[in-house]
Amino acid sequence: MSRPMILNLDGGVQSWLINGGIVALAIGLIAGMPSGWRWLSLTIAALGLVGVILTFADVYELDALVVLVIAAVLAPAWAIWLSSRASTLWPDSTAPPITLP
């Protein structure tokens, strides 16, 4: 009996950590982005919050798909796009521009 209880506890902790990470990502995307990036940031943040709500609604397949799309596609694409445009968004930076091959 203790093994299913520990697995249930572990699953709960994992869900809360994933949900907390998505909410932190949503807040970070919205805070301080230039106006040209606002639409993409708001879209990813809204999709993340929908994923968190779906987690609490126990819609397993759909919430797992939303988390997968955010974590594997949208957040990395957003980060790569931001790093490739950082020198034009913040031209007074002293760091050398990042160029993608």
C-alpha atoms as a PDB file:
ATOM      1  CA  MET A   1       0.000   0.000   0.000  1.00  0.00           C
ATOM      2  CA  SER A   2       2.847   2.388   0.668  1.00  0.00           C
ATOM      3  CA  ARG A   3       4.245   2.116  -2.868  1.00  0.00           C
ATOM      4  CA  PRO A   4       1.058   3.417  -4.578  1.00  0.00           C
ATOM      5  CA  MET A   5       0.870   6.209  -2.005  1.00  0.00           C
ATOM      6  CA  ILE A   6       4.459   7.288  -2.693  1.00  0.00           C
ATOM      7  CA  LEU A   7       3.885   7.126  -6.455  1.00  0.00           C
ATOM      8  CA  ASN A   8       0.759   9.230  -6.044  1.00  0.00           C
ATOM      9  CA  LEU A   9       2.695  11.753  -3.964  1.00  0.00           C
ATOM     10  CA  ASP A  10       5.491  11.803  -6.523  1.00  0.00           C
ATOM     11  CA  GLY A  11       3.015  12.423  -9.341  1.00  0.00           C
ATOM     12  CA  GLY A  12       1.482  15.295  -7.405  1.00  0.00           C
ATOM     13  CA  VAL A  13       4.848  16.911  -6.769  1.00  0.00           C
ATOM     14  CA  GLN A  14       5.754  16.533 -10.435  1.00  0.00           C
ATOM     15  CA  SER A  15       2.491  18.159 -11.529  1.00  0.00           C
ATOM     16  CA  TRP A  16       2.956  21.087  -9.164  1.00  0.00           C
ATOM     17  CA  LEU A  17       6.547  21.640 -10.319  1.00  0.00           C
ATOM     18  CA  ILE A  18       5.528  21.570 -13.983  1.00  0.00           C
ATOM     19  CA  ASN A  19       2.608  23.926 -13.345  1.00  0.00           C
ATOM     20  CA  GLY A  20       4.818  26.266 -11.338  1.00  0.00           C
ATOM     21  CA  GLY A  21       7.403  26.289 -14.110  1.00  0.00           C
ATOM     22  CA  ILE A  22       4.781  27.097 -16.715  1.00  0.00           C
ATOM     23  CA  VAL A  23       3.360  29.940 -14.626  1.00  0.00           C
ATOM     24  CA  ALA A  24       6.888  31.299 -14.047  1.00  0.00           C
ATOM     25  CA  LEU A  25       7.530  31.061 -17.789  1.00  0.00           C
ATOM     26  CA  ALA A  26       4.295  32.933 -18.494  1.00  0.00           C
ATOM     27  CA  ILE A  27       5.193  35.715 -16.070  1.00  0.00           C
ATOM     28  CA  GLY A  28       8.715  35.955 -17.470  1.00  0.00           C
ATOM     29  CA  LEU A  29       7.456  36.128 -21.037  1.00  0.00           C
ATOM     30  CA  ILE A  30       5.047  38.947 -20.288  1.00  0.00           C
ATOM     31  CA  ALA A  31       7.398  41.037 -18.144  1.00  0.00           C
ATOM     32  CA  GLY A  32       9.682  43.387 -20.020  1.00  0.00           C
ATOM     33  CA  MET A  33       9.287  42.253 -23.616  1.00  0.00           C
ATOM     34  CA  PRO A  34       9.463  44.828 -26.431  1.00  0.00           C
ATOM     35  CA  SER A  35       6.198  45.641 -28.182  1.00  0.00           C
ATOM     36  CA  GLY A  36       7.033  43.588 -31.276  1.00  0.00           C
ATOM     37  CA  TRP A  37       7.389  40.482 -29.138  1.00  0.00           C
ATOM     38  CA  ARG A  38       4.264  41.046 -27.109  1.00  0.00           C
ATOM     39  CA  TRP A  39       1.923  38.965 -29.315  1.00  0.00           C
ATOM     40  CA  LEU A  40       4.129  35.868 -29.252  1.00  0.00           C
ATOM     41  CA  SER A  41       4.827  36.202 -25.536  1.00  0.00           C
ATOM     42  CA  LEU A  42       1.149  36.641 -24.713  1.00  0.00           C
ATOM     43  CA  THR A  43       0.204  33.663 -26.879  1.00  0.00           C
ATOM     44  CA  ILE A  44       2.696  31.352 -25.184  1.00  0.00           C
ATOM     45  CA  ALA A  45       1.711  32.670 -21.737  1.00  0.00           C
ATOM     46  CA  ALA A  46      -2.006  32.201 -22.421  1.00  0.00           C
ATOM     47  CA  LEU A  47      -1.421  28.704 -23.757  1.00  0.00           C
ATOM     48  CA  GLY A  48       0.628  27.921 -20.654  1.00  0.00           C
ATOM     49  CA  LEU A  49      -2.114  29.095 -18.331  1.00  0.00           C
ATOM     50  CA  VAL A  50      -4.666  27.043 -20.291  1.00  0.00           C
ATOM     51  CA  GLY A  51      -2.381  24.034 -19.802  1.00  0.00           C
ATOM     52  CA  VAL A  52      -2.273  24.639 -16.050  1.00  0.00           C
ATOM     53  CA  ILE A  53      -6.071  24.905 -15.905  1.00  0.00           C
ATOM     54  CA  LEU A  54      -6.404  21.698 -17.924  1.00  0.00           C
ATOM     55  CA  THR A  55      -4.143  19.955 -15.402  1.00  0.00           C
ATOM     56  CA  PHE A  56      -6.590  20.744 -12.620  1.00  0.00           C
ATOM     57  CA  ALA A  57      -9.501  19.608 -14.813  1.00  0.00           C
ATOM     58  CA  ASP A  58      -7.904  16.128 -15.119  1.00  0.00           C
ATOM     59  CA  VAL A  59      -7.842  16.132 -18.921  1.00  0.00           C
ATOM     60  CA  TYR A  60      -4.628  14.124 -19.090  1.00  0.00           C
ATOM     61  CA  GLU A  61      -4.021  13.783 -22.813  1.00  0.00           C
ATOM     62  CA  LEU A  62      -4.785  17.401 -23.651  1.00  0.00           C
ATOM     63  CA  ASP A  63      -2.824  18.995 -20.814  1.00  0.00           C
ATOM     64  CA  ALA A  64       0.186  16.779 -21.536  1.00  0.00           C
ATOM     65  CA  LEU A  65       0.037  17.833 -25.197  1.00  0.00           C
ATOM     66  CA  VAL A  66      -0.112  21.523 -24.256  1.00  0.00           C
ATOM     67  CA  VAL A  67       2.886  21.164 -21.920  1.00  0.00           C
ATOM     68  CA  LEU A  68       4.790  19.266 -24.616  1.00  0.00           C
ATOM     69  CA  VAL A  69       4.108  21.931 -27.246  1.00  0.00           C
ATOM     70  CA  ILE A  70       5.171  24.716 -24.881  1.00  0.00           C
ATOM     71  CA  ALA A  71       8.282  22.999 -23.520  1.00  0.00           C
ATOM     72  CA  ALA A  72       9.519  21.360 -26.716  1.00  0.00           C
ATOM     73  CA  VAL A  73       8.492  23.804 -29.440  1.00  0.00           C
ATOM     74  CA  LEU A  74       7.312  27.274 -28.416  1.00  0.00           C
ATOM     75  CA  ALA A  75       9.675  28.167 -25.554  1.00  0.00           C
ATOM     76  CA  PRO A  76      12.860  27.033 -27.390  1.00  0.00           C
ATOM     77  CA  ALA A  77      11.718  28.740 -30.613  1.00  0.00           C
ATOM     78  CA  TRP A  78      11.025  31.924 -28.654  1.00  0.00           C
ATOM     79  CA  ALA A  79      14.461  31.762 -26.972  1.00  0.00           C
ATOM     80  CA  ILE A  80      16.306  31.169 -30.258  1.00  0.00           C
ATOM     81  CA  TRP A  81      14.370  33.966 -31.960  1.00  0.00           C
ATOM     82  CA  LEU A  82      15.118  36.323 -29.064  1.00  0.00           C
ATOM     83  CA  SER A  83      18.829  35.487 -29.038  1.00  0.00           C
ATOM     84  CA  SER A  84      19.130  36.014 -32.790  1.00  0.00           C
ATOM     85  CA  ARG A  85      17.450  39.447 -32.533  1.00  0.00           C
ATOM     86  CA  ALA A  86      18.959  40.609 -29.229  1.00  0.00           C
ATOM     87  CA  SER A  87      21.448  43.009 -30.819  1.00  0.00           C
ATOM     88  CA  THR A  88      18.678  44.809 -32.713  1.00  0.00           C
ATOM     89  CA  LEU A  89      16.295  44.883 -29.761  1.00  0.00           C
ATOM     90  CA  TRP A  90      18.891  46.206 -27.313  1.00  0.00           C
ATOM     91  CA  PRO A  91      21.534  47.982 -29.474  1.00  0.00           C
ATOM     92  CA  ASP A  92      23.379  49.582 -26.546  1.00  0.00           C
ATOM     93  CA  SER A  93      24.485  46.220 -25.194  1.00  0.00           C
ATOM     94  CA  THR A  94      28.229  45.665 -24.882  1.00  0.00           C
ATOM     95  CA  ALA A  95      27.938  41.933 -25.545  1.00  0.00           C
ATOM     96  CA  PRO A  96      28.841  40.732 -29.034  1.00  0.00           C
ATOM     97  CA  PRO A  97      25.841  39.846 -31.206  1.00  0.00           C
ATOM     98  CA  ILE A  98      24.870  36.197 -31.462  1.00  0.00           C
ATOM     99  CA  THR A  99      24.665  34.895 -34.989  1.00  0.00           C
ATOM    100  CA  LEU A 100      23.068  31.630 -35.983  1.00  0.00           C
ATOM    101  CA  PRO A 101      24.712  29.478 -38.656  1.00  0.00           C
END
